[in-house]
Amino acid sequence: MKPFATVSGLAVALDRPNIDTDQIIPARFLRKPRSDGYNNFLFHDVRRAEPDFPLGPTGNPEILIGAANFGCGSSREGAVYALGDAGIRCVIAPSFGDIFAGNASKNGLLTVILPEERCAELRAAVVEGADITVDLANQQVRAANSVYAFEIDPFRKRCLLEGLDDIGLTLANNDAIAAFEAADRTGRAWAVPDRG
């Protein structure tokens, strides 16, 4: 997983509450392998219904500023894959679906919770062309002359900063696991299968 430190640049404003995971990636595309490019299915149906929809399969800013209850609905991890594969590294919103937020942090996508009025200010700044900076280490979102502090679980923050997914977390304990296995073989020799 790619470590997350600071992301700066243009952002996209998506002022729509209750964007669910089926809007982000319709269920019928989940049977396709991710190697086909889940970014191609990002907001697939919405993009066809609204040709001026601000997100496409490629060329997106790394920051999306949404509205309340972003990522609600089903628990499909494919929604996070589609956003990440389309280049989005951070979503800022007043609230998120719990499972979506958990899936996001395990896949390198930062979810930042800010009050609705702050999100509205950021969306307005984005429409005016302001650059946005999301600084995870200092837990700040900066736009123009405004600085917004945000909270994040310390464990999620560490994993994102260090680029640790579940496998990476396990491998970080590789020496301790090897030491345990060696001690277990010695202490419980009777439990080790005889391969001779």
N, C-alpha and C. Protein backbone atom coordinates (compact mmCIF):
# COMPACT_ATOMS: atom_id res chain seq x y z
N MET A 1 0.85 -1.17 0.00
CA MET A 1 0.00 0.00 0.00
C MET A 1 0.90 1.24 0.00
N LYS A 2 0.55 2.20 -0.80
CA LYS A 2 1.33 3.43 -0.91
C LYS A 2 1.13 4.29 0.35
N PRO A 3 2.22 4.71 1.00
CA PRO A 3 2.08 5.57 2.19
C PRO A 3 1.39 6.88 1.84
N PHE A 4 0.66 7.39 2.80
CA PHE A 4 -0.03 8.68 2.64
C PHE A 4 0.66 9.67 3.56
N ALA A 5 1.13 10.78 3.02
CA ALA A 5 1.74 11.83 3.84
C ALA A 5 0.97 13.11 3.62
N THR A 6 1.23 13.78 2.50
CA THR A 6 0.54 15.02 2.17
C THR A 6 0.10 14.96 0.71
N VAL A 7 -1.11 15.41 0.46
CA VAL A 7 -1.63 15.49 -0.90
C VAL A 7 -2.04 16.94 -1.13
N SER A 8 -1.59 17.52 -2.23
CA SER A 8 -1.91 18.91 -2.55
C SER A 8 -2.33 19.04 -4.00
N GLY A 9 -3.19 20.02 -4.24
CA GLY A 9 -3.57 20.31 -5.61
C GLY A 9 -5.05 20.60 -5.73
N LEU A 10 -5.52 20.48 -6.94
CA LEU A 10 -6.94 20.69 -7.18
C LEU A 10 -7.74 19.57 -6.55
N ALA A 11 -8.99 19.86 -6.27
CA ALA A 11 -9.91 18.86 -5.71
C ALA A 11 -11.19 18.90 -6.52
N VAL A 12 -12.04 17.92 -6.31
CA VAL A 12 -13.35 17.91 -6.95
C VAL A 12 -14.41 18.03 -5.86
N ALA A 13 -15.41 18.86 -6.12
CA ALA A 13 -16.51 19.05 -5.18
C ALA A 13 -17.70 18.22 -5.64
N LEU A 14 -18.24 17.43 -4.73
CA LEU A 14 -19.38 16.58 -5.03
C LEU A 14 -20.42 16.78 -3.92
N ASP A 15 -21.26 17.78 -4.11
CA ASP A 15 -22.23 18.19 -3.09
C ASP A 15 -23.51 17.36 -3.21
N ARG A 16 -23.38 16.08 -2.88
CA ARG A 16 -24.52 15.17 -2.93
C ARG A 16 -24.48 14.30 -1.68
N PRO A 17 -25.47 14.41 -0.80
CA PRO A 17 -25.48 13.54 0.38
C PRO A 17 -25.88 12.12 0.00
N ASN A 18 -25.53 11.19 0.88
CA ASN A 18 -25.96 9.79 0.77
C ASN A 18 -25.48 9.09 -0.50
N ILE A 19 -24.27 9.37 -0.93
CA ILE A 19 -23.71 8.63 -2.06
C ILE A 19 -23.37 7.24 -1.56
N ASP A 20 -24.06 6.26 -2.11
CA ASP A 20 -23.84 4.89 -1.63
C ASP A 20 -22.85 4.14 -2.51
N THR A 21 -22.44 3.00 -2.02
CA THR A 21 -21.40 2.24 -2.72
C THR A 21 -21.89 1.72 -4.07
N ASP A 22 -23.20 1.56 -4.25
CA ASP A 22 -23.71 1.12 -5.54
C ASP A 22 -23.64 2.23 -6.58
N GLN A 23 -23.67 3.49 -6.14
CA GLN A 23 -23.45 4.59 -7.06
C GLN A 23 -21.96 4.66 -7.43
N ILE A 24 -21.10 4.44 -6.44
CA ILE A 24 -19.66 4.52 -6.67
C ILE A 24 -19.21 3.45 -7.65
N ILE A 25 -19.67 2.21 -7.44
CA ILE A 25 -19.44 1.12 -8.41
C ILE A 25 -20.65 0.19 -8.38
N PRO A 26 -21.42 0.17 -9.44
CA PRO A 26 -22.60 -0.69 -9.48
C PRO A 26 -22.22 -2.17 -9.28
N ALA A 27 -23.09 -2.89 -8.58
CA ALA A 27 -22.81 -4.27 -8.18
C ALA A 27 -22.49 -5.19 -9.36
N ARG A 28 -23.07 -4.94 -10.50
CA ARG A 28 -22.86 -5.85 -11.64
C ARG A 28 -21.41 -5.89 -12.11
N PHE A 29 -20.61 -4.88 -11.74
CA PHE A 29 -19.21 -4.86 -12.16
C PHE A 29 -18.29 -5.56 -11.17
N LEU A 30 -18.80 -5.93 -10.03
CA LEU A 30 -17.93 -6.54 -9.00
C LEU A 30 -17.49 -7.95 -9.37
N ARG A 31 -18.15 -8.57 -10.30
CA ARG A 31 -17.72 -9.92 -10.71
C ARG A 31 -16.52 -9.86 -11.66
N LYS A 32 -16.20 -8.68 -12.13
CA LYS A 32 -15.03 -8.51 -13.01
C LYS A 32 -13.76 -8.47 -12.15
N PRO A 33 -12.66 -8.97 -12.68
CA PRO A 33 -11.41 -8.88 -11.91
C PRO A 33 -10.94 -7.43 -11.80
N ARG A 34 -10.35 -7.12 -10.68
CA ARG A 34 -9.88 -5.75 -10.48
C ARG A 34 -8.84 -5.37 -11.53
N SER A 35 -8.15 -6.35 -12.06
CA SER A 35 -7.13 -6.06 -13.09
C SER A 35 -7.76 -5.45 -14.34
N ASP A 36 -9.07 -5.58 -14.50
CA ASP A 36 -9.74 -4.92 -15.63
C ASP A 36 -9.81 -3.41 -15.45
N GLY A 37 -9.48 -2.95 -14.23
CA GLY A 37 -9.49 -1.52 -13.95
C GLY A 37 -10.82 -1.07 -13.38
N TYR A 38 -10.97 -1.16 -12.06
CA TYR A 38 -12.22 -0.74 -11.42
C TYR A 38 -12.48 0.75 -11.64
N ASN A 39 -11.45 1.51 -11.96
CA ASN A 39 -11.66 2.93 -12.25
C ASN A 39 -12.62 3.11 -13.43
N ASN A 40 -12.66 2.15 -14.35
CA ASN A 40 -13.56 2.25 -15.50
C ASN A 40 -15.03 2.21 -15.10
N PHE A 41 -15.30 1.70 -13.90
CA PHE A 41 -16.68 1.55 -13.44
C PHE A 41 -17.05 2.58 -12.38
N LEU A 42 -16.13 3.50 -12.06
CA LEU A 42 -16.38 4.53 -11.06
C LEU A 42 -17.56 5.40 -11.49
N PHE A 43 -18.59 5.45 -10.66
CA PHE A 43 -19.80 6.23 -10.95
C PHE A 43 -20.32 5.95 -12.36
N HIS A 44 -20.22 4.71 -12.79
CA HIS A 44 -20.57 4.30 -14.15
C HIS A 44 -21.95 4.80 -14.57
N ASP A 45 -22.98 4.47 -13.80
CA ASP A 45 -24.34 4.82 -14.20
C ASP A 45 -24.60 6.32 -14.08
N VAL A 46 -24.03 6.94 -13.06
CA VAL A 46 -24.21 8.38 -12.87
C VAL A 46 -23.57 9.13 -14.03
N ARG A 47 -22.39 8.71 -14.46
CA ARG A 47 -21.71 9.38 -15.57
C ARG A 47 -22.50 9.27 -16.87
N ARG A 48 -23.19 8.16 -17.06
CA ARG A 48 -23.99 8.01 -18.28
C ARG A 48 -25.26 8.85 -18.22
N ALA A 49 -25.82 9.00 -17.04
CA ALA A 49 -27.03 9.81 -16.89
C ALA A 49 -26.72 11.31 -16.89
N GLU A 50 -25.51 11.65 -16.44
CA GLU A 50 -25.12 13.06 -16.33
C GLU A 50 -23.77 13.26 -17.02
N PRO A 51 -23.76 13.61 -18.28
CA PRO A 51 -22.50 13.75 -19.02
C PRO A 51 -21.52 14.76 -18.42
N ASP A 52 -22.02 15.73 -17.64
CA ASP A 52 -21.12 16.71 -17.04
C ASP A 52 -20.71 16.34 -15.61
N PHE A 53 -20.93 15.07 -15.23
CA PHE A 53 -20.53 14.62 -13.89
C PHE A 53 -19.03 14.85 -13.72
N PRO A 54 -18.59 15.39 -12.56
CA PRO A 54 -17.20 15.85 -12.43
C PRO A 54 -16.13 14.77 -12.30
N LEU A 55 -16.51 13.51 -12.15
CA LEU A 55 -15.51 12.44 -12.02
C LEU A 55 -15.59 11.50 -13.19
N GLY A 56 -14.44 11.06 -13.64
CA GLY A 56 -14.37 10.09 -14.72
C GLY A 56 -13.48 8.94 -14.33
N PRO A 57 -13.23 8.02 -15.22
CA PRO A 57 -12.37 6.88 -14.90
C PRO A 57 -10.90 7.25 -14.73
N THR A 58 -10.48 8.37 -15.31
CA THR A 58 -9.09 8.81 -15.20
C THR A 58 -9.04 10.33 -15.10
N GLY A 59 -7.88 10.85 -14.76
CA GLY A 59 -7.66 12.28 -14.75
C GLY A 59 -8.33 13.03 -13.61
N ASN A 60 -8.63 12.34 -12.53
CA ASN A 60 -9.30 12.98 -11.39
C ASN A 60 -8.29 13.61 -10.45
N PRO A 61 -8.70 14.68 -9.76
CA PRO A 61 -7.85 15.19 -8.67
C PRO A 61 -7.74 14.13 -7.57
N GLU A 62 -6.73 14.25 -6.75
CA GLU A 62 -6.52 13.26 -5.68
C GLU A 62 -7.44 13.47 -4.49
N ILE A 63 -8.12 14.61 -4.43
CA ILE A 63 -8.97 14.95 -3.28
C ILE A 63 -10.40 15.13 -3.75
N LEU A 64 -11.33 14.48 -3.07
CA LEU A 64 -12.76 14.63 -3.33
C LEU A 64 -13.40 15.21 -2.08
N ILE A 65 -14.19 16.26 -2.24
CA ILE A 65 -14.89 16.86 -1.11
C ILE A 65 -16.37 16.57 -1.29
N GLY A 66 -16.89 15.70 -0.44
CA GLY A 66 -18.26 15.24 -0.57
C GLY A 66 -19.19 15.84 0.47
N ALA A 67 -20.35 15.23 0.57
CA ALA A 67 -21.37 15.66 1.52
C ALA A 67 -21.63 14.52 2.51
N ALA A 68 -22.64 14.69 3.34
CA ALA A 68 -22.92 13.76 4.44
C ALA A 68 -23.18 12.34 3.95
N ASN A 69 -22.75 11.40 4.76
CA ASN A 69 -23.03 9.97 4.60
C ASN A 69 -22.42 9.40 3.32
N PHE A 70 -21.21 9.81 3.00
CA PHE A 70 -20.52 9.33 1.81
C PHE A 70 -20.14 7.87 2.01
N GLY A 71 -20.39 7.04 1.01
CA GLY A 71 -20.02 5.63 1.08
C GLY A 71 -20.96 4.78 1.92
N CYS A 72 -22.20 5.22 2.04
CA CYS A 72 -23.17 4.43 2.79
C CYS A 72 -23.60 3.23 1.95
N GLY A 73 -24.46 2.41 2.49
CA GLY A 73 -24.98 1.27 1.73
C GLY A 73 -24.23 0.00 2.04
N SER A 74 -24.03 -0.80 1.02
CA SER A 74 -23.43 -2.13 1.22
C SER A 74 -21.96 -2.03 1.58
N SER A 75 -21.41 -3.16 1.94
CA SER A 75 -20.03 -3.19 2.45
C SER A 75 -19.00 -3.45 1.36
N ARG A 76 -19.33 -3.22 0.11
CA ARG A 76 -18.41 -3.61 -0.97
C ARG A 76 -17.11 -2.80 -0.96
N GLU A 77 -16.03 -3.55 -0.88
CA GLU A 77 -14.70 -2.94 -0.92
C GLU A 77 -14.38 -2.40 -2.30
N GLY A 78 -15.09 -2.88 -3.30
CA GLY A 78 -14.88 -2.42 -4.66
C GLY A 78 -15.08 -0.93 -4.82
N ALA A 79 -15.91 -0.31 -3.97
CA ALA A 79 -16.10 1.14 -4.04
C ALA A 79 -14.80 1.87 -3.74
N VAL A 80 -14.07 1.37 -2.75
CA VAL A 80 -12.77 1.96 -2.41
C VAL A 80 -11.77 1.70 -3.54
N TYR A 81 -11.80 0.49 -4.08
CA TYR A 81 -10.90 0.17 -5.20
C TYR A 81 -11.14 1.11 -6.38
N ALA A 82 -12.42 1.35 -6.70
CA ALA A 82 -12.75 2.19 -7.86
C ALA A 82 -12.25 3.62 -7.65
N LEU A 83 -12.44 4.16 -6.45
CA LEU A 83 -11.95 5.51 -6.17
C LEU A 83 -10.43 5.56 -6.25
N GLY A 84 -9.77 4.60 -5.59
CA GLY A 84 -8.31 4.56 -5.60
C GLY A 84 -7.72 4.36 -6.98
N ASP A 85 -8.33 3.44 -7.74
CA ASP A 85 -7.84 3.17 -9.09
C ASP A 85 -8.02 4.37 -10.02
N ALA A 86 -8.99 5.24 -9.68
CA ALA A 86 -9.22 6.45 -10.48
C ALA A 86 -8.35 7.62 -10.02
N GLY A 87 -7.48 7.38 -9.03
CA GLY A 87 -6.52 8.40 -8.62
C GLY A 87 -6.89 9.18 -7.37
N ILE A 88 -8.01 8.87 -6.75
CA ILE A 88 -8.44 9.61 -5.55
C ILE A 88 -7.75 9.03 -4.33
N ARG A 89 -7.07 9.89 -3.56
CA ARG A 89 -6.33 9.46 -2.36
C ARG A 89 -7.03 9.87 -1.08
N CYS A 90 -7.92 10.88 -1.14
CA CYS A 90 -8.56 11.40 0.06
C CYS A 90 -9.98 11.84 -0.24
N VAL A 91 -10.90 11.48 0.65
CA VAL A 91 -12.28 11.97 0.57
C VAL A 91 -12.56 12.72 1.86
N ILE A 92 -13.04 13.94 1.73
CA ILE A 92 -13.40 14.79 2.86
C ILE A 92 -14.92 14.91 2.87
N ALA A 93 -15.55 14.63 3.99
CA ALA A 93 -17.01 14.71 4.09
C ALA A 93 -17.41 14.86 5.56
N PRO A 94 -18.66 15.27 5.82
CA PRO A 94 -19.12 15.40 7.21
C PRO A 94 -19.31 14.05 7.90
N SER A 95 -19.58 12.99 7.12
CA SER A 95 -19.74 11.65 7.70
C SER A 95 -19.58 10.62 6.60
N PHE A 96 -19.27 9.39 7.03
CA PHE A 96 -19.04 8.28 6.10
C PHE A 96 -19.78 7.05 6.59
N GLY A 97 -20.09 6.18 5.65
CA GLY A 97 -20.54 4.85 6.04
C GLY A 97 -19.41 4.17 6.79
N ASP A 98 -19.72 3.54 7.93
CA ASP A 98 -18.68 2.95 8.78
C ASP A 98 -17.83 1.93 8.04
N ILE A 99 -18.46 1.02 7.32
CA ILE A 99 -17.70 -0.03 6.64
C ILE A 99 -16.86 0.57 5.52
N PHE A 100 -17.41 1.54 4.82
CA PHE A 100 -16.64 2.22 3.77
C PHE A 100 -15.37 2.84 4.36
N ALA A 101 -15.51 3.55 5.49
CA ALA A 101 -14.35 4.20 6.11
C ALA A 101 -13.30 3.17 6.53
N GLY A 102 -13.74 2.04 7.06
CA GLY A 102 -12.80 0.98 7.44
C GLY A 102 -12.09 0.40 6.23
N ASN A 103 -12.85 0.12 5.17
CA ASN A 103 -12.24 -0.40 3.93
C ASN A 103 -11.27 0.62 3.34
N ALA A 104 -11.63 1.90 3.43
CA ALA A 104 -10.78 2.95 2.87
C ALA A 104 -9.41 2.96 3.53
N SER A 105 -9.39 2.97 4.85
CA SER A 105 -8.10 3.06 5.54
C SER A 105 -7.24 1.83 5.30
N LYS A 106 -7.85 0.68 5.08
CA LYS A 106 -7.08 -0.55 4.82
C LYS A 106 -6.54 -0.60 3.40
N ASN A 107 -6.98 0.35 2.57
CA ASN A 107 -6.54 0.38 1.17
C ASN A 107 -5.88 1.69 0.78
N GLY A 108 -5.44 2.47 1.78
CA GLY A 108 -4.67 3.68 1.50
C GLY A 108 -5.47 4.91 1.13
N LEU A 109 -6.81 4.86 1.31
CA LEU A 109 -7.66 6.01 1.01
C LEU A 109 -8.00 6.70 2.34
N LEU A 110 -7.57 7.94 2.49
CA LEU A 110 -7.83 8.70 3.72
C LEU A 110 -9.23 9.28 3.68
N THR A 111 -9.99 9.06 4.75
CA THR A 111 -11.30 9.69 4.92
C THR A 111 -11.16 10.72 6.03
N VAL A 112 -11.51 11.97 5.72
CA VAL A 112 -11.40 13.08 6.67
C VAL A 112 -12.81 13.56 6.99
N ILE A 113 -13.13 13.60 8.27
CA ILE A 113 -14.43 14.11 8.70
C ILE A 113 -14.27 15.55 9.16
N LEU A 114 -15.02 16.43 8.51
CA LEU A 114 -15.10 17.84 8.89
C LEU A 114 -16.57 18.22 8.98
N PRO A 115 -16.92 19.21 9.81
CA PRO A 115 -18.32 19.63 9.90
C PRO A 115 -18.86 20.06 8.53
N GLU A 116 -20.17 19.93 8.38
CA GLU A 116 -20.82 20.26 7.10
C GLU A 116 -20.48 21.67 6.62
N GLU A 117 -20.45 22.64 7.53
CA GLU A 117 -20.16 24.01 7.09
C GLU A 117 -18.73 24.15 6.57
N ARG A 118 -17.80 23.40 7.15
CA ARG A 118 -16.41 23.44 6.66
C ARG A 118 -16.32 22.77 5.29
N CYS A 119 -17.03 21.66 5.13
CA CYS A 119 -17.04 20.99 3.82
C CYS A 119 -17.64 21.90 2.76
N ALA A 120 -18.70 22.63 3.13
CA ALA A 120 -19.31 23.57 2.19
C ALA A 120 -18.32 24.68 1.80
N GLU A 121 -17.55 25.17 2.78
CA GLU A 121 -16.53 26.18 2.49
C GLU A 121 -15.47 25.63 1.54
N LEU A 122 -15.05 24.39 1.79
CA LEU A 122 -14.05 23.78 0.92
C LEU A 122 -14.59 23.56 -0.49
N ARG A 123 -15.83 23.09 -0.59
CA ARG A 123 -16.42 22.90 -1.92
C ARG A 123 -16.49 24.22 -2.67
N ALA A 124 -16.86 25.30 -1.97
CA ALA A 124 -16.91 26.62 -2.61
C ALA A 124 -15.53 27.06 -3.05
N ALA A 125 -14.51 26.81 -2.23
CA ALA A 125 -13.14 27.18 -2.60
C ALA A 125 -12.68 26.40 -3.82
N VAL A 126 -13.06 25.13 -3.89
CA VAL A 126 -12.68 24.28 -5.03
C VAL A 126 -13.32 24.81 -6.31
N VAL A 127 -14.58 25.18 -6.23
CA VAL A 127 -15.28 25.72 -7.41
C VAL A 127 -14.58 26.97 -7.91
N GLU A 128 -14.00 27.74 -6.99
CA GLU A 128 -13.28 28.96 -7.36
C GLU A 128 -11.85 28.68 -7.80
N GLY A 129 -11.44 27.40 -7.79
CA GLY A 129 -10.12 27.03 -8.28
C GLY A 129 -9.01 26.97 -7.25
N ALA A 130 -9.35 27.01 -5.98
CA ALA A 130 -8.33 26.97 -4.92
C ALA A 130 -7.70 25.58 -4.83
N ASP A 131 -6.42 25.56 -4.55
CA ASP A 131 -5.73 24.32 -4.26
C ASP A 131 -6.02 23.91 -2.82
N ILE A 132 -6.08 22.62 -2.60
CA ILE A 132 -6.33 22.06 -1.28
C ILE A 132 -5.11 21.24 -0.89
N THR A 133 -4.73 21.28 0.38
CA THR A 133 -3.67 20.44 0.91
C THR A 133 -4.23 19.63 2.07
N VAL A 134 -4.00 18.33 2.02
CA VAL A 134 -4.37 17.45 3.13
C VAL A 134 -3.07 16.93 3.71
N ASP A 135 -2.80 17.29 4.95
CA ASP A 135 -1.57 16.93 5.66
C ASP A 135 -1.93 15.97 6.78
N LEU A 136 -1.69 14.69 6.54
CA LEU A 136 -2.07 13.67 7.53
C LEU A 136 -1.23 13.76 8.79
N ALA A 137 0.07 13.96 8.65
CA ALA A 137 0.95 14.01 9.84
C ALA A 137 0.50 15.08 10.82
N ASN A 138 0.12 16.24 10.32
CA ASN A 138 -0.33 17.34 11.18
C ASN A 138 -1.84 17.40 11.33
N GLN A 139 -2.54 16.48 10.68
CA GLN A 139 -4.00 16.38 10.75
C GLN A 139 -4.66 17.71 10.41
N GLN A 140 -4.32 18.21 9.21
CA GLN A 140 -4.84 19.50 8.76
C GLN A 140 -5.27 19.42 7.30
N VAL A 141 -6.33 20.18 7.00
CA VAL A 141 -6.72 20.46 5.62
C VAL A 141 -6.54 21.95 5.45
N ARG A 142 -5.80 22.35 4.40
CA ARG A 142 -5.54 23.77 4.16
C ARG A 142 -6.07 24.17 2.78
N ALA A 143 -6.74 25.31 2.76
CA ALA A 143 -7.25 25.87 1.51
C ALA A 143 -7.19 27.38 1.62
N ALA A 144 -6.57 28.02 0.65
CA ALA A 144 -6.41 29.49 0.66
C ALA A 144 -5.82 29.90 2.01
N ASN A 145 -6.52 30.71 2.78
CA ASN A 145 -6.01 31.17 4.08
C ASN A 145 -6.65 30.43 5.25
N SER A 146 -7.33 29.33 4.98
CA SER A 146 -8.02 28.59 6.04
C SER A 146 -7.30 27.28 6.36
N VAL A 147 -7.31 26.95 7.64
CA VAL A 147 -6.74 25.68 8.10
C VAL A 147 -7.80 24.98 8.94
N TYR A 148 -8.08 23.74 8.59
CA TYR A 148 -9.08 22.95 9.30
C TYR A 148 -8.40 21.73 9.92
N ALA A 149 -8.49 21.60 11.23
CA ALA A 149 -7.93 20.44 11.92
C ALA A 149 -8.94 19.29 11.87
N PHE A 150 -8.43 18.07 11.79
CA PHE A 150 -9.31 16.92 11.82
C PHE A 150 -8.75 15.85 12.74
N GLU A 151 -9.63 15.00 13.23
CA GLU A 151 -9.26 13.89 14.10
C GLU A 151 -9.16 12.61 13.28
N ILE A 152 -8.30 11.72 13.73
CA ILE A 152 -8.19 10.40 13.10
C ILE A 152 -7.70 9.42 14.16
N ASP A 153 -8.18 8.21 14.10
CA ASP A 153 -7.74 7.17 15.01
C ASP A 153 -6.22 6.99 14.86
N PRO A 154 -5.47 6.99 15.96
CA PRO A 154 -4.00 6.90 15.87
C PRO A 154 -3.51 5.66 15.13
N PHE A 155 -4.20 4.53 15.28
CA PHE A 155 -3.79 3.32 14.58
C PHE A 155 -3.98 3.47 13.07
N ARG A 156 -5.12 4.00 12.65
CA ARG A 156 -5.36 4.23 11.22
C ARG A 156 -4.34 5.22 10.66
N LYS A 157 -4.05 6.25 11.43
CA LYS A 157 -3.07 7.25 11.00
C LYS A 157 -1.71 6.60 10.76
N ARG A 158 -1.27 5.80 11.71
CA ARG A 158 0.03 5.12 11.58
C ARG A 158 0.06 4.23 10.33
N CYS A 159 -1.00 3.43 10.15
CA CYS A 159 -1.04 2.53 9.00
C CYS A 159 -0.99 3.31 7.69
N LEU A 160 -1.71 4.41 7.60
CA LEU A 160 -1.70 5.21 6.38
C LEU A 160 -0.35 5.87 6.15
N LEU A 161 0.23 6.45 7.20
CA LEU A 161 1.53 7.10 7.06
C LEU A 161 2.62 6.12 6.64
N GLU A 162 2.56 4.90 7.19
CA GLU A 162 3.59 3.90 6.90
C GLU A 162 3.25 3.00 5.72
N GLY A 163 2.05 3.16 5.16
CA GLY A 163 1.65 2.31 4.04
C GLY A 163 1.44 0.86 4.43
N LEU A 164 0.86 0.64 5.62
CA LEU A 164 0.68 -0.72 6.12
C LEU A 164 -0.76 -1.19 5.94
N ASP A 165 -0.95 -2.19 5.09
CA ASP A 165 -2.25 -2.86 5.04
C ASP A 165 -2.19 -4.04 6.01
N ASP A 166 -3.20 -4.90 6.02
CA ASP A 166 -3.23 -6.01 6.99
C ASP A 166 -2.03 -6.94 6.81
N ILE A 167 -1.62 -7.18 5.58
CA ILE A 167 -0.46 -8.05 5.34
C ILE A 167 0.82 -7.36 5.82
N GLY A 168 0.93 -6.08 5.52
CA GLY A 168 2.10 -5.32 5.98
C GLY A 168 2.22 -5.28 7.49
N LEU A 169 1.08 -5.17 8.18
CA LEU A 169 1.08 -5.19 9.65
C LEU A 169 1.59 -6.53 10.16
N THR A 170 1.15 -7.60 9.53
CA THR A 170 1.60 -8.93 9.94
C THR A 170 3.10 -9.09 9.68
N LEU A 171 3.56 -8.67 8.51
CA LEU A 171 4.97 -8.80 8.17
C LEU A 171 5.86 -7.93 9.06
N ALA A 172 5.31 -6.85 9.61
CA ALA A 172 6.09 -6.01 10.53
C ALA A 172 6.46 -6.77 11.79
N ASN A 173 5.73 -7.85 12.07
CA ASN A 173 6.00 -8.68 13.24
C ASN A 173 6.70 -9.98 12.86
N ASN A 174 7.32 -10.01 11.70
CA ASN A 174 7.93 -11.24 11.19
C ASN A 174 8.96 -11.85 12.14
N ASP A 175 9.81 -11.01 12.74
CA ASP A 175 10.82 -11.53 13.67
C ASP A 175 10.17 -12.16 14.89
N ALA A 176 9.16 -11.52 15.44
CA ALA A 176 8.46 -12.05 16.61
C ALA A 176 7.73 -13.36 16.27
N ILE A 177 7.16 -13.43 15.07
CA ILE A 177 6.48 -14.65 14.65
C ILE A 177 7.48 -15.79 14.50
N ALA A 178 8.64 -15.50 13.87
CA ALA A 178 9.67 -16.53 13.70
C ALA A 178 10.20 -16.99 15.05
N ALA A 179 10.40 -16.06 15.99
CA ALA A 179 10.88 -16.43 17.33
C ALA A 179 9.86 -17.30 18.05
N PHE A 180 8.59 -16.98 17.93
CA PHE A 180 7.54 -17.78 18.56
C PHE A 180 7.54 -19.19 17.97
N GLU A 181 7.60 -19.28 16.63
CA GLU A 181 7.58 -20.59 15.98
C GLU A 181 8.77 -21.45 16.41
N ALA A 182 9.94 -20.83 16.50
CA ALA A 182 11.13 -21.58 16.93
C ALA A 182 10.97 -22.07 18.37
N ALA A 183 10.50 -21.20 19.25
CA ALA A 183 10.30 -21.59 20.65
C ALA A 183 9.21 -22.65 20.76
N ASP A 184 8.19 -22.54 19.96
CA ASP A 184 7.09 -23.51 20.01
C ASP A 184 7.57 -24.88 19.54
N ARG A 185 8.42 -24.93 18.51
CA ARG A 185 8.95 -26.21 18.04
C ARG A 185 9.78 -26.88 19.12
N THR A 186 10.53 -26.07 19.88
CA THR A 186 11.36 -26.61 20.95
C THR A 186 10.50 -27.01 22.16
N GLY A 187 9.62 -26.14 22.56
CA GLY A 187 8.80 -26.39 23.75
C GLY A 187 7.72 -27.42 23.56
N ARG A 188 7.29 -27.62 22.35
CA ARG A 188 6.23 -28.60 22.08
C ARG A 188 6.68 -29.50 20.92
N ALA A 189 7.84 -30.10 21.08
CA ALA A 189 8.40 -30.93 20.01
C ALA A 189 7.44 -32.04 19.63
N TRP A 190 6.66 -32.51 20.57
CA TRP A 190 5.71 -33.57 20.29
C TRP A 190 4.62 -33.15 19.29
N ALA A 191 4.40 -31.84 19.14
CA ALA A 191 3.35 -31.36 18.25
C ALA A 191 3.85 -31.13 16.83
N VAL A 192 5.17 -31.19 16.62
CA VAL A 192 5.74 -30.95 15.30
C VAL A 192 5.63 -32.25 14.50
N PRO A 193 5.01 -32.20 13.31
CA PRO A 193 4.88 -33.44 12.51
C PRO A 193 6.25 -34.02 12.15
N ASP A 194 6.32 -35.33 12.20
CA ASP A 194 7.53 -36.06 11.82
C ASP A 194 7.52 -36.20 10.30
N ARG A 195 8.48 -35.55 9.65
CA ARG A 195 8.51 -35.59 8.18
C ARG A 195 9.53 -36.61 7.67
N GLY A 196 10.03 -37.42 8.56
CA GLY A 196 11.06 -38.36 8.15
C GLY A 196 10.52 -39.63 7.73
